[in-house]
Amino acid sequence: GVGSIAVGLKSGDTKEDKYSSGIVYTPGMHERKTPLSELYKYSPETGWEEFLGKDPELPRLAKNVRVARDGRWAVWRIDKTDLWTSAYRGELAMVSLTQPEARAREVTHGAGSLGDYEPSPSGSFLAYTANYVNDSRSAPASCTHRLLYVTQVTDVTNAPLDFPVSAPGQLVTDFGWVEGLPSTLWWTIQDAFHSNTFARTIGSPSGCTLKLAVPCTTWVMAYQADGKSFIYGTETMEKSPSLVAVETVKGEVVGELPLPYDAAADTLVTTELEWDVWPGHRCRGLLHQRRRPEDDVVVPGPLVVSPHSGPCAGIRPIDKVSIYSRYRDFLEEGYQVLVPATSGTLGFGDSWSRAIIGHVGQRDVDEVASGSQYVLRETHVDRVSLVGSSYGA
C-alpha cells in the first residue's frame, strides 16, 4: 500500500528526433529543439519503470522532482534556459502518479523568477515562490520580490487554484510545512534588517495568519501535540541561538532551550545607519564593530565596505553568530564593516528594489561612496577598502 517510493527524471537525448518539442524558451538564449525527458517510478516490487515519457511538459530542462508524501503526485521545475542566469526563470509542472494514463500539466504559467517549492504533508497543497510576469519578454515582473503562493492540487486533473500568501514587496527568505500537521504553512519575511515568521493553516475556514513571537531561522518547524506548540530554532542580532516552543494560539514563547554557539559573537556590536546620498535621497546600512574583550570598549578601526551581490539581493546574514562568523577575521583585527543596503536590495519594498533599474553602477555606487564617507566622518578614521563577490566585487 506504500506505492512508489522514488520518482526520477531521465534527461532527454541531445540529438534531435521526432519527439523533439521544438519549444523556443528564450529568444537568443535557447534556440535549438528540446528533446523530451522521461519520468520513472521506483518500488521494491518492480524496480525502476517508466511512468511518463515523451510528454510536452517533460522537456530536457525539467529537473528537481518532488513527490507528495502520500505518493499521489509529483511536481518538477522546468528551466526557461540552459544558460546560467540570476533570474532563475522557470515553470512548474506536475502529474498524478495514481492514474496510469495520466498526462503532465503545467502548474504555473509566466511564473518569472521561480524559487523553491514544497508539497504539503497532506498532499493537498503545493507552496512555491515566484514573481509572475506577463507574456512579453520585455515586460517587468509584476513584483521584484518573489511572492509565496499556495495552489490546491487535491484533484490533479483540474487546473490549480493559486493564491498569494505573502504581500508584494515582501522578501520571503524561508518557508515550509509544519511537520506533524497536514496543511499548516510557515514562512519568514525579512523586513529591512529584521525577520518575522508567520503560520497559517491552509484550507481551514478560520485560517487566519498567526505572527510568531520570534523568527524561525531553521529549515524545519514541527508541531508538538502535547504542548500544542510549534518547535523550531531561532536567532537574531540580539538573541543567541536557541530552540523554542511557541504556542499555536497567540504565537507566544512558552519554552526555550539555549543552543551552543561561539561566545566570541557576543563581542559584536551592530548599528543600523542611515545617511544622505544627495538631496532627498537617503540610504541605509549596517555597521559591524567589535568590543575589545579586555575592556568591553569599541575602538573604531579602518573601514571595510562589504556590498552584497545582486544587484537585487537581500542583506544576509542578519543574526549575530553568522555575521561574526562571516567577518570574524576583519573584526578581530580591529576593522569595522559597513554593509550598505543599496538600491536594488530586497526586503525594503518594491520601489527600492526597482530603483536600480536603469541606474546599475551609478546610483548604487553613489550610495556606497556616500555611506563610506559618512562612516569615516562619524568614526574619525581615514582608511577604507572594499571586499565582495559577484556583483558586490
Protein backbone atom coordinates (compact mmCIF):
# COMPACT_ATOMS: atom_id res chain seq x y z
CA GLY A 1 0.00 0.00 0.00
CA VAL A 2 3.01 2.29 0.10
CA GLY A 3 3.16 2.68 -3.67
CA SER A 4 6.16 4.21 -5.38
CA ILE A 5 8.92 5.29 -3.03
CA ALA A 6 11.01 7.24 -5.53
CA VAL A 7 10.45 9.23 -8.69
CA GLY A 8 13.18 10.47 -11.02
CA LEU A 9 13.69 12.26 -14.32
CA LYS A 10 15.81 10.95 -17.16
CA SER A 11 17.08 13.83 -19.27
CA GLY A 12 16.26 13.94 -22.94
CA ASP A 13 18.85 12.95 -25.52
CA THR A 14 20.81 15.83 -27.00
CA LYS A 15 20.16 14.61 -30.55
CA GLU A 16 17.13 15.93 -32.37
CA ASP A 17 14.49 13.29 -33.05
CA LYS A 18 10.84 13.07 -33.93
CA TYR A 19 9.93 13.66 -30.29
CA SER A 20 11.75 16.99 -30.05
CA SER A 21 9.32 19.61 -28.83
CA GLY A 22 10.70 22.49 -30.88
CA ILE A 23 9.95 24.86 -28.00
CA VAL A 24 11.96 28.09 -28.02
CA TYR A 25 12.07 29.24 -24.39
CA THR A 26 14.05 32.46 -24.50
CA PRO A 27 14.89 34.02 -27.87
CA GLY A 28 18.60 34.49 -28.31
CA MET A 29 19.42 32.19 -25.41
CA HIS A 30 17.99 28.79 -26.29
CA GLU A 31 17.14 28.41 -29.96
CA ARG A 32 17.52 24.69 -30.62
CA LYS A 33 14.98 21.93 -30.35
CA THR A 34 14.44 20.48 -26.89
CA PRO A 35 14.35 16.67 -26.67
CA LEU A 36 11.86 15.42 -24.11
CA SER A 37 12.70 13.70 -20.83
CA GLU A 38 11.09 10.68 -19.17
CA LEU A 39 9.66 10.19 -15.71
CA TYR A 40 10.43 6.97 -13.84
CA LYS A 41 8.92 5.45 -10.69
CA TYR A 42 10.63 3.02 -8.35
CA SER A 43 9.15 0.45 -5.99
CA PRO A 44 10.69 -2.64 -4.35
CA GLU A 45 8.39 -4.90 -6.36
CA THR A 46 9.06 -3.52 -9.83
CA GLY A 47 12.31 -1.55 -9.55
CA TRP A 48 12.61 1.46 -11.84
CA GLU A 49 9.93 1.65 -14.53
CA GLU A 50 8.95 4.35 -16.96
CA PHE A 51 5.78 6.13 -15.91
CA LEU A 52 5.61 9.12 -18.21
CA GLY A 53 7.54 9.63 -21.41
CA LYS A 54 7.57 11.94 -24.42
CA ASP A 55 5.26 14.42 -22.72
CA PRO A 56 5.39 18.12 -23.74
CA GLU A 57 5.63 19.05 -20.06
CA LEU A 58 8.85 16.99 -19.74
CA PRO A 59 11.41 18.91 -21.82
CA ARG A 60 15.15 18.41 -21.43
CA LEU A 61 15.32 21.25 -18.90
CA ALA A 62 12.93 19.55 -16.48
CA LYS A 63 14.56 18.77 -13.12
CA ASN A 64 14.22 18.57 -9.32
CA VAL A 65 11.26 16.24 -8.86
CA ARG A 66 9.35 16.48 -5.57
CA VAL A 67 6.81 13.80 -4.64
CA ALA A 68 3.79 14.26 -2.39
CA ARG A 69 4.21 12.25 0.81
CA ASP A 70 1.14 10.19 0.07
CA GLY A 71 2.68 9.27 -3.30
CA ARG A 72 -0.28 10.58 -5.30
CA TRP A 73 1.52 13.16 -7.45
CA ALA A 74 4.89 14.56 -8.42
CA VAL A 75 5.97 18.09 -9.33
CA TRP A 76 9.09 19.36 -11.07
CA ARG A 77 10.74 22.51 -12.32
CA ILE A 78 11.30 23.41 -15.97
CA ASP A 79 14.11 25.91 -16.55
CA LYS A 80 13.47 28.53 -19.20
CA THR A 81 17.05 28.45 -20.47
CA ASP A 82 20.09 26.21 -20.14
CA LEU A 83 22.37 29.23 -19.72
CA TRP A 84 23.12 30.38 -16.18
CA THR A 85 21.16 33.43 -15.14
CA SER A 86 20.50 35.03 -11.79
CA ALA A 87 16.85 35.47 -12.77
CA TYR A 88 16.12 31.72 -12.22
CA ARG A 89 13.24 31.86 -14.70
CA GLY A 90 11.20 28.70 -14.74
CA GLU A 91 7.81 26.99 -14.55
CA LEU A 92 6.32 24.13 -12.54
CA ALA A 93 4.60 21.05 -13.98
CA MET A 94 3.07 18.02 -12.28
CA VAL A 95 1.39 14.67 -12.87
CA SER A 96 -0.82 12.24 -10.97
CA LEU A 97 1.06 9.07 -10.01
CA THR A 98 -2.10 7.06 -9.37
CA GLN A 99 -3.56 7.23 -12.88
CA PRO A 100 -1.69 5.03 -15.39
CA GLU A 101 -2.80 7.11 -18.39
CA ALA A 102 -2.23 10.47 -16.72
CA ARG A 103 -0.51 13.25 -18.62
CA ALA A 104 1.52 16.03 -17.12
CA ARG A 105 0.11 19.54 -16.89
CA GLU A 106 1.56 22.93 -16.13
CA VAL A 107 1.13 24.32 -12.63
CA THR A 108 2.41 27.81 -13.38
CA HIS A 109 2.36 29.95 -16.49
CA GLY A 110 4.58 33.02 -16.63
CA ALA A 111 5.98 32.40 -13.14
CA GLY A 112 9.02 34.54 -13.87
CA SER A 113 11.70 34.10 -11.23
CA LEU A 114 10.80 30.73 -9.71
CA GLY A 115 12.14 29.84 -6.29
CA ASP A 116 11.63 26.81 -4.07
CA TYR A 117 8.50 24.61 -3.99
CA GLU A 118 7.24 22.08 -1.47
CA PRO A 119 4.19 19.72 -1.30
CA SER A 120 2.17 19.81 1.92
CA PRO A 121 2.26 16.74 4.21
CA SER A 122 -1.40 16.07 3.38
CA GLY A 123 -0.66 16.05 -0.35
CA SER A 124 -3.48 18.55 -0.92
CA PHE A 125 -1.42 21.69 -1.49
CA LEU A 126 1.76 22.93 -3.10
CA ALA A 127 3.61 26.02 -1.85
CA TYR A 128 6.09 27.86 -4.07
CA THR A 129 7.68 31.28 -4.58
CA ALA A 130 7.56 33.19 -7.88
CA ASN A 131 7.18 36.70 -9.27
CA TYR A 132 4.76 36.38 -12.15
CA VAL A 133 5.43 38.20 -15.43
CA ASN A 134 3.21 38.67 -18.44
CA ASP A 135 4.00 37.12 -21.78
CA SER A 136 6.06 39.98 -23.16
CA ARG A 137 9.76 39.28 -22.82
CA SER A 138 10.50 42.93 -22.14
CA ALA A 139 7.76 43.43 -19.55
CA PRO A 140 8.98 43.97 -15.98
CA ALA A 141 8.00 41.49 -13.31
CA SER A 142 4.74 42.28 -11.57
CA CYS A 143 6.76 42.24 -8.36
CA THR A 144 10.53 42.37 -7.99
CA HIS A 145 10.26 40.18 -4.89
CA ARG A 146 9.10 36.57 -5.15
CA LEU A 147 5.70 36.10 -3.53
CA LEU A 148 4.75 32.94 -1.66
CA TYR A 149 1.86 31.14 -3.38
CA VAL A 150 -0.22 28.11 -2.46
CA THR A 151 -2.03 26.03 -5.06
CA GLN A 152 -4.63 23.37 -4.29
CA VAL A 153 -3.76 20.11 -6.00
CA THR A 154 -6.18 17.66 -4.35
CA ASP A 155 -7.60 16.91 -7.78
CA VAL A 156 -4.54 16.99 -10.02
CA THR A 157 -6.62 16.64 -13.18
CA ASN A 158 -8.10 20.11 -12.75
CA ALA A 159 -6.45 23.49 -13.13
CA PRO A 160 -4.92 24.68 -9.86
CA LEU A 161 -6.29 27.50 -7.75
CA ASP A 162 -3.35 29.71 -6.78
CA PHE A 163 -3.48 32.40 -4.15
CA PRO A 164 -0.66 34.53 -2.72
CA VAL A 165 0.18 34.14 0.96
CA SER A 166 2.74 36.95 1.21
CA ALA A 167 2.27 40.55 0.08
CA PRO A 168 4.03 42.38 -2.79
CA GLY A 169 7.33 43.92 -1.77
CA GLN A 170 8.00 41.39 0.99
CA LEU A 171 11.16 39.28 0.96
CA VAL A 172 10.30 35.63 1.71
CA THR A 173 13.56 34.15 2.97
CA ASP A 174 12.31 30.69 4.03
CA PHE A 175 9.10 28.68 4.12
CA GLY A 176 7.90 25.16 4.75
CA TRP A 177 5.10 22.99 6.07
CA VAL A 178 4.89 22.30 9.79
CA GLU A 179 5.89 18.70 10.48
CA GLY A 180 3.14 16.82 12.32
CA LEU A 181 0.27 18.83 10.83
CA PRO A 182 -1.42 18.13 7.47
CA SER A 183 -1.55 21.60 5.92
CA THR A 184 -0.05 24.29 8.15
CA LEU A 185 2.36 26.56 6.32
CA TRP A 186 5.05 28.72 7.93
CA TRP A 187 7.13 31.41 6.25
CA THR A 188 9.69 34.02 7.25
CA ILE A 189 9.65 37.60 5.93
CA GLN A 190 12.74 39.80 6.10
CA ASP A 191 11.75 43.41 6.67
CA ALA A 192 14.86 45.53 6.19
CA PHE A 193 17.32 44.12 8.76
CA HIS A 194 14.84 42.09 10.83
CA SER A 195 12.76 38.96 10.29
CA ASN A 196 9.26 37.84 11.26
CA THR A 197 7.75 34.38 10.94
CA PHE A 198 4.09 33.59 10.31
CA ALA A 199 1.98 30.41 10.30
CA ARG A 200 -1.35 29.63 8.69
CA THR A 201 -3.48 26.52 8.34
CA ILE A 202 -4.31 26.30 4.63
CA GLY A 203 -7.84 25.25 3.71
CA SER A 204 -9.27 25.94 7.16
CA PRO A 205 -12.43 28.10 7.30
CA SER A 206 -10.80 30.01 10.16
CA GLY A 207 -7.39 30.05 8.54
CA CYS A 208 -6.08 33.31 9.94
CA THR A 209 -2.39 34.20 9.81
CA LEU A 210 -0.53 33.96 13.13
CA LYS A 211 2.61 36.02 13.75
CA LEU A 212 5.09 34.13 15.92
CA ALA A 213 6.94 35.92 18.72
CA VAL A 214 10.40 35.06 17.40
CA PRO A 215 11.52 34.28 13.83
CA CYS A 216 12.21 30.77 12.62
CA THR A 217 15.81 30.56 11.37
CA THR A 218 15.93 26.80 10.76
CA TRP A 219 14.58 24.99 7.73
CA VAL A 220 12.24 22.84 9.82
CA MET A 221 9.33 23.61 12.12
CA ALA A 222 7.50 20.82 13.95
CA TYR A 223 4.25 20.55 15.90
CA GLN A 224 4.27 19.22 19.47
CA ALA A 225 0.82 17.82 20.14
CA ASP A 226 1.18 17.54 23.93
CA GLY A 227 2.02 21.20 24.37
CA LYS A 228 0.11 22.42 21.31
CA SER A 229 3.12 24.39 20.22
CA PHE A 230 5.48 24.89 17.29
CA ILE A 231 9.09 23.79 17.83
CA TYR A 232 11.92 25.44 15.85
CA GLY A 233 15.27 27.16 16.06
CA THR A 234 15.72 30.91 16.28
CA GLU A 235 18.48 33.54 16.48
CA THR A 236 18.70 37.27 15.71
CA MET A 237 21.19 40.10 16.04
CA GLU A 238 20.14 40.47 19.67
CA LYS A 239 19.28 36.86 20.55
CA SER A 240 21.63 33.88 20.80
CA PRO A 241 20.70 30.59 19.07
CA SER A 242 18.01 28.60 20.89
CA LEU A 243 15.31 26.01 20.36
CA VAL A 244 11.91 27.45 21.21
CA ALA A 245 8.38 26.25 21.78
CA VAL A 246 5.77 28.75 20.57
CA GLU A 247 2.13 28.14 21.37
CA THR A 248 -0.24 27.96 18.41
CA VAL A 249 -2.98 30.37 19.53
CA LYS A 250 -1.20 33.63 20.35
CA GLY A 251 2.26 32.84 18.99
CA GLU A 252 3.98 33.43 22.33
CA VAL A 253 7.13 31.65 23.50
CA VAL A 254 6.30 29.04 26.17
CA GLY A 255 9.64 27.24 26.33
CA GLU A 256 13.26 27.83 25.34
CA LEU A 257 16.43 25.74 25.24
CA PRO A 258 19.70 27.64 24.63
CA LEU A 259 21.94 26.08 21.99
CA PRO A 260 25.77 26.08 21.96
CA TYR A 261 27.46 28.77 19.88
CA ASP A 262 30.74 30.67 19.55
CA ALA A 263 30.68 33.07 22.53
CA ALA A 264 33.07 35.39 20.67
CA ALA A 265 30.00 36.55 18.75
CA ASP A 266 28.85 38.33 21.91
CA THR A 267 31.53 40.96 21.27
CA LEU A 268 29.77 42.02 18.06
CA VAL A 269 28.16 45.47 18.02
CA THR A 270 25.80 46.10 15.09
CA THR A 271 24.33 49.54 14.40
CA GLU A 272 21.66 50.46 11.85
CA LEU A 273 22.69 53.54 9.89
CA GLU A 274 21.01 55.98 7.50
CA TRP A 275 22.84 58.65 5.51
CA ASP A 276 22.26 61.29 2.84
CA VAL A 277 23.30 60.41 -0.69
CA TRP A 278 22.06 63.58 -2.34
CA PRO A 279 19.21 65.99 -1.51
CA GLY A 280 16.01 63.99 -0.99
CA HIS A 281 17.71 60.62 -1.23
CA ARG A 282 18.88 58.58 1.76
CA CYS A 283 20.34 55.08 2.04
CA ARG A 284 20.51 52.59 4.92
CA GLY A 285 23.03 50.00 6.04
CA LEU A 286 24.53 48.00 8.89
CA LEU A 287 27.79 48.85 10.64
CA HIS A 288 29.50 45.93 12.39
CA GLN A 289 32.11 46.62 15.07
CA ARG A 290 33.70 44.60 17.89
CA ARG A 291 34.06 45.33 21.57
CA ARG A 292 37.53 44.60 22.90
CA PRO A 293 37.25 41.64 25.30
CA GLU A 294 39.71 43.18 27.75
CA ASP A 295 37.74 46.38 28.44
CA ASP A 296 34.42 45.97 26.54
CA VAL A 297 35.14 49.16 24.56
CA VAL A 298 34.57 49.71 20.83
CA VAL A 299 37.56 51.36 19.17
CA PRO A 300 36.70 52.12 15.52
CA GLY A 301 39.40 50.93 13.15
CA PRO A 302 39.87 51.12 9.38
CA LEU A 303 36.65 50.68 7.41
CA VAL A 304 35.83 47.68 5.22
CA VAL A 305 32.80 48.10 2.94
CA SER A 306 31.05 44.84 2.00
CA PRO A 307 28.47 45.38 -0.80
CA HIS A 308 26.08 42.48 -1.35
CA SER A 309 25.77 40.55 -4.61
CA GLY A 310 22.91 41.15 -6.95
CA PRO A 311 22.28 43.92 -7.79
CA CYS A 312 18.91 42.68 -6.45
CA ALA A 313 19.57 40.64 -3.31
CA GLY A 314 18.79 40.72 0.38
CA ILE A 315 21.11 41.61 3.25
CA ARG A 316 22.21 38.29 4.70
CA PRO A 317 23.04 37.23 7.32
CA ILE A 318 21.19 39.25 9.95
CA ASP A 319 21.93 37.19 13.07
CA LYS A 320 24.94 37.89 15.27
CA VAL A 321 26.56 34.44 15.13
CA SER A 322 26.52 34.29 11.32
CA ILE A 323 27.59 37.93 10.98
CA TYR A 324 30.52 37.38 13.30
CA SER A 325 31.49 34.20 11.50
CA ARG A 326 31.49 35.94 8.12
CA TYR A 327 33.51 38.99 9.20
CA ARG A 328 35.49 37.48 12.06
CA ASP A 329 38.93 37.99 10.52
CA PHE A 330 38.24 41.68 9.92
CA LEU A 331 36.61 42.32 13.29
CA GLU A 332 39.29 40.62 15.35
CA GLU A 333 41.97 42.65 13.57
CA GLY A 334 40.22 45.84 14.59
CA TYR A 335 38.38 46.68 11.36
CA GLN A 336 34.77 47.85 11.21
CA VAL A 337 32.50 46.60 8.42
CA LEU A 338 29.79 48.55 6.58
CA VAL A 339 27.11 46.58 4.70
CA PRO A 340 25.10 49.09 2.64
CA ALA A 341 21.54 48.31 1.57
CA THR A 342 21.92 49.97 -1.81
CA SER A 343 19.14 50.47 -4.34
CA GLY A 344 18.07 47.06 -5.59
CA THR A 345 18.32 45.50 -2.13
CA LEU A 346 15.38 43.19 -1.44
CA GLY A 347 13.36 43.47 1.74
CA PHE A 348 12.81 47.23 1.58
CA GLY A 349 9.78 47.23 -0.72
CA ASP A 350 9.37 47.10 -4.49
CA SER A 351 10.04 50.79 -5.07
CA TRP A 352 13.52 50.47 -3.52
CA SER A 353 14.40 47.29 -5.41
CA ARG A 354 13.12 48.75 -8.69
CA ALA A 355 15.11 51.97 -8.17
CA ILE A 356 18.27 50.32 -9.53
CA ILE A 357 16.70 49.62 -12.93
CA GLY A 358 18.50 51.74 -15.50
CA HIS A 359 20.99 53.00 -12.90
CA VAL A 360 23.24 49.99 -12.26
CA GLY A 361 26.75 51.12 -11.44
CA GLN A 362 25.65 54.70 -10.87
CA ARG A 363 23.01 55.08 -8.17
CA ASP A 364 24.33 52.20 -6.06
CA VAL A 365 27.95 53.36 -6.40
CA ASP A 366 26.94 56.83 -5.16
CA GLU A 367 25.21 55.19 -2.19
CA VAL A 368 28.29 53.12 -1.30
CA ALA A 369 30.60 56.13 -1.65
CA SER A 370 28.42 58.43 0.45
CA GLY A 371 27.94 55.72 3.09
CA SER A 372 31.69 55.18 3.32
CA GLN A 373 32.30 58.91 3.73
CA TYR A 374 29.59 59.10 6.38
CA VAL A 375 31.16 56.33 8.50
CA LEU A 376 34.67 57.77 8.08
CA ARG A 377 33.45 61.15 9.37
CA GLU A 378 31.46 59.71 12.25
CA THR A 379 34.17 57.30 13.46
CA HIS A 380 37.14 59.60 12.72
CA VAL A 381 39.10 57.11 10.63
CA ASP A 382 40.68 57.73 7.23
CA ARG A 383 41.28 54.30 5.70
CA VAL A 384 38.73 52.36 3.66
CA SER A 385 38.71 49.25 1.48
CA LEU A 386 36.06 47.16 -0.25
CA VAL A 387 35.50 43.41 -0.25
CA GLY A 388 32.83 41.38 -2.01
CA SER A 389 31.99 38.76 -4.59
CA SER A 390 29.96 38.57 -7.78
CA TYR A 391 28.18 41.93 -8.27
CA GLY A 392 29.46 43.04 -4.86
CA ALA A 393 33.01 42.90 -6.16
